């Protein structure tokens, strides 16, 4: 089981590096429930939040009319 968790976390990290940004949905996906309580998963979510924040900042710098829509 530990090996499956490690592999899942590895591929999740890979997805983030390739542009995946749906961190809110990740915590409710049934197929991630075996890893979403791990410390590494929480680190991955933080990594995603930082990446999204930097994307928002870049968008705001490019366009002063850009508004952030929070849910």
Protein backbone atom coordinates (compact mmCIF):
# COMPACT_ATOMS: atom_id res chain seq x y z
CA UNK A 1 0.00 0.00 0.00
CA UNK A 2 2.83 2.41 0.86
CA UNK A 3 4.30 1.95 -2.61
CA UNK A 4 0.96 2.82 -4.22
CA UNK A 5 0.75 5.99 -2.12
CA UNK A 6 4.27 7.01 -3.11
CA UNK A 7 3.48 6.42 -6.77
CA UNK A 8 0.21 8.38 -6.51
CA UNK A 9 2.00 11.32 -4.90
CA UNK A 10 4.74 11.20 -7.55
CA UNK A 11 2.21 11.40 -10.38
CA UNK A 12 0.22 14.10 -8.64
CA UNK A 13 3.40 16.18 -8.40
CA UNK A 14 4.03 15.52 -12.08
CA UNK A 15 0.51 16.70 -12.94
CA UNK A 16 1.09 19.95 -11.04
CA UNK A 17 4.38 20.51 -12.83
CA UNK A 18 2.49 20.13 -16.11
CA UNK A 19 -0.21 22.63 -15.18
CA UNK A 20 -2.87 20.87 -13.10
CA UNK A 21 -4.34 23.41 -10.65
CA UNK A 22 -7.59 21.96 -9.27
CA UNK A 23 -6.48 21.69 -5.64
CA UNK A 24 -9.97 22.29 -4.20
CA UNK A 25 -11.38 19.31 -6.06
CA UNK A 26 -8.49 17.04 -5.11
CA UNK A 27 -9.61 16.80 -1.50
CA UNK A 28 -12.97 15.32 -2.53
CA UNK A 29 -11.87 13.01 -5.34
CA UNK A 30 -12.59 9.46 -4.14
CA UNK A 31 -9.53 8.05 -5.89
CA UNK A 32 -7.26 10.31 -3.83
CA UNK A 33 -8.79 9.58 -0.44
CA UNK A 34 -5.97 7.21 0.54
CA UNK A 35 -3.38 10.00 0.20
CA UNK A 36 -5.22 13.23 1.01
CA UNK A 37 -4.43 12.92 4.72
CA UNK A 38 -0.68 12.55 4.23
CA UNK A 39 1.86 15.28 4.94
CA UNK A 40 3.16 15.03 1.37
CA UNK A 41 -0.34 15.60 -0.05
CA UNK A 42 -0.68 18.73 2.08
CA UNK A 43 2.70 19.92 0.74
CA UNK A 44 1.51 19.31 -2.80
CA UNK A 45 -1.65 21.36 -2.18
CA UNK A 46 0.48 24.21 -0.81
CA UNK A 47 2.71 23.97 -3.90
CA UNK A 48 -0.40 24.31 -6.07
CA UNK A 49 -1.68 27.31 -4.11
CA UNK A 50 1.67 29.07 -4.51
CA UNK A 51 1.68 28.34 -8.23
CA UNK A 52 -1.88 29.66 -8.62
CA UNK A 53 -1.09 32.79 -6.62
CA UNK A 54 1.90 33.52 -8.85
CA UNK A 55 -0.29 33.03 -11.93
CA UNK A 56 -2.87 35.47 -10.53
CA UNK A 57 -0.15 38.01 -9.79
CA UNK A 58 1.26 37.69 -13.30
CA UNK A 59 -2.20 38.12 -14.83
CA UNK A 60 -2.86 41.22 -12.74
CA UNK A 61 0.49 42.71 -13.76
CA UNK A 62 -0.28 42.14 -17.43
CA UNK A 63 -3.79 43.54 -17.29
CA UNK A 64 -4.85 46.12 -14.74
CA UNK A 65 -8.51 45.34 -15.54
CA UNK A 66 -8.06 41.72 -14.46
CA UNK A 67 -10.23 40.79 -11.48
CA UNK A 68 -9.75 37.71 -9.36
CA UNK A 69 -12.92 35.69 -8.98
CA UNK A 70 -13.00 33.80 -5.69
CA UNK A 71 -15.50 31.01 -5.06
